[in-house]
Amino acid sequence: MHHPLLLDAGGCKLSKSAGATSVHYLRKQGKSRSEIYRMIGEWIGLEKPLNHWEELV
């Protein structure tokens, strides 16, 4: 799946090497898959909530 580059609030790219939060970390913090998909949807500027990765296709 290709997606636009994800940026933080300051405009820097999100990456593990830069210390960005990983999906694994979010799952350990108790976030559900649906919550994480919604967060990703917001980060890439989707207008409607994202509930599953297949909605990106």
C-alpha atoms as a PDB file:
ATOM      1  CA  MET A   1       0.000   0.000   0.000  1.00  0.00           C
ATOM      2  CA  HIS A   2       1.410   3.379  -0.966  1.00  0.00           C
ATOM      3  CA  HIS A   3       0.441   6.489   0.931  1.00  0.00           C
ATOM      4  CA  PRO A   4       1.529  10.095   1.124  1.00  0.00           C
ATOM      5  CA  LEU A   5       4.478  10.832   3.408  1.00  0.00           C
ATOM      6  CA  LEU A   6       3.192  11.147   6.977  1.00  0.00           C
ATOM      7  CA  LEU A   7       4.284  14.319   8.734  1.00  0.00           C
ATOM      8  CA  ASP A   8       4.129  15.427  12.345  1.00  0.00           C
ATOM      9  CA  ALA A   9       2.569  18.705  13.477  1.00  0.00           C
ATOM     10  CA  GLY A  10       5.856  20.509  12.750  1.00  0.00           C
ATOM     11  CA  GLY A  11       6.027  19.206   9.178  1.00  0.00           C
ATOM     12  CA  CYS A  12       8.821  16.664   9.798  1.00  0.00           C
ATOM     13  CA  LYS A  13       8.415  13.137   8.432  1.00  0.00           C
ATOM     14  CA  LEU A  14       7.294  10.450  10.840  1.00  0.00           C
ATOM     15  CA  SER A  15       9.877   7.695  11.160  1.00  0.00           C
ATOM     16  CA  LYS A  16      11.074   5.265  13.796  1.00  0.00           C
ATOM     17  CA  SER A  17      14.627   6.541  13.363  1.00  0.00           C
ATOM     18  CA  ALA A  18      13.430  10.026  14.322  1.00  0.00           C
ATOM     19  CA  GLY A  19      11.651   8.631  17.399  1.00  0.00           C
ATOM     20  CA  ALA A  20       8.099   8.669  16.059  1.00  0.00           C
ATOM     21  CA  THR A  21       5.534   6.493  17.804  1.00  0.00           C
ATOM     22  CA  SER A  22       5.117   3.065  16.224  1.00  0.00           C
ATOM     23  CA  VAL A  23       1.911   1.098  15.691  1.00  0.00           C
ATOM     24  CA  HIS A  24       3.384  -1.556  17.990  1.00  0.00           C
ATOM     25  CA  TYR A  25       3.771   1.063  20.758  1.00  0.00           C
ATOM     26  CA  LEU A  26       0.201   2.303  20.263  1.00  0.00           C
ATOM     27  CA  ARG A  27      -1.112  -1.299  20.521  1.00  0.00           C
ATOM     28  CA  LYS A  28       0.877  -1.787  23.751  1.00  0.00           C
ATOM     29  CA  GLN A  29      -0.739   1.388  25.076  1.00  0.00           C
ATOM     30  CA  GLY A  30      -4.157  -0.199  24.551  1.00  0.00           C
ATOM     31  CA  LYS A  31      -5.195   1.448  21.279  1.00  0.00           C
ATOM     32  CA  SER A  32      -7.465  -0.745  19.164  1.00  0.00           C
ATOM     33  CA  ARG A  33      -6.860  -1.329  15.462  1.00  0.00           C
ATOM     34  CA  SER A  34      -9.859   0.879  14.676  1.00  0.00           C
ATOM     35  CA  GLU A  35      -8.486   3.705  16.812  1.00  0.00           C
ATOM     36  CA  ILE A  36      -5.118   3.488  15.046  1.00  0.00           C
ATOM     37  CA  TYR A  37      -6.745   3.460  11.586  1.00  0.00           C
ATOM     38  CA  ARG A  38      -8.751   6.553  12.559  1.00  0.00           C
ATOM     39  CA  MET A  39      -5.554   8.280  13.715  1.00  0.00           C
ATOM     40  CA  ILE A  40      -3.805   7.434  10.435  1.00  0.00           C
ATOM     41  CA  GLY A  41      -6.801   8.729   8.467  1.00  0.00           C
ATOM     42  CA  GLU A  42      -6.609  12.026  10.338  1.00  0.00           C
ATOM     43  CA  TRP A  43      -2.839  12.257   9.766  1.00  0.00           C
ATOM     44  CA  ILE A  44      -3.218  11.885   6.003  1.00  0.00           C
ATOM     45  CA  GLY A  45      -6.116  14.331   5.868  1.00  0.00           C
ATOM     46  CA  LEU A  46      -9.061  12.045   5.116  1.00  0.00           C
ATOM     47  CA  GLU A  47     -12.415  13.736   5.554  1.00  0.00           C
ATOM     48  CA  LYS A  48     -14.268  10.686   6.852  1.00  0.00           C
ATOM     49  CA  PRO A  49     -13.040   8.365   9.626  1.00  0.00           C
ATOM     50  CA  LEU A  50     -10.950   5.393   8.516  1.00  0.00           C
ATOM     51  CA  ASN A  51     -11.885   2.112  10.183  1.00  0.00           C
ATOM     52  CA  HIS A  52      -9.925  -0.445   8.146  1.00  0.00           C
ATOM     53  CA  TRP A  53      -6.882  -0.378   5.856  1.00  0.00           C
ATOM     54  CA  GLU A  54      -8.984  -1.573   2.901  1.00  0.00           C
ATOM     55  CA  GLU A  55     -10.772   1.783   2.937  1.00  0.00           C
ATOM     56  CA  LEU A  56      -7.520   3.334   1.672  1.00  0.00           C
ATOM     57  CA  VAL A  57      -7.745   1.467  -1.644  1.00  0.00           C
END
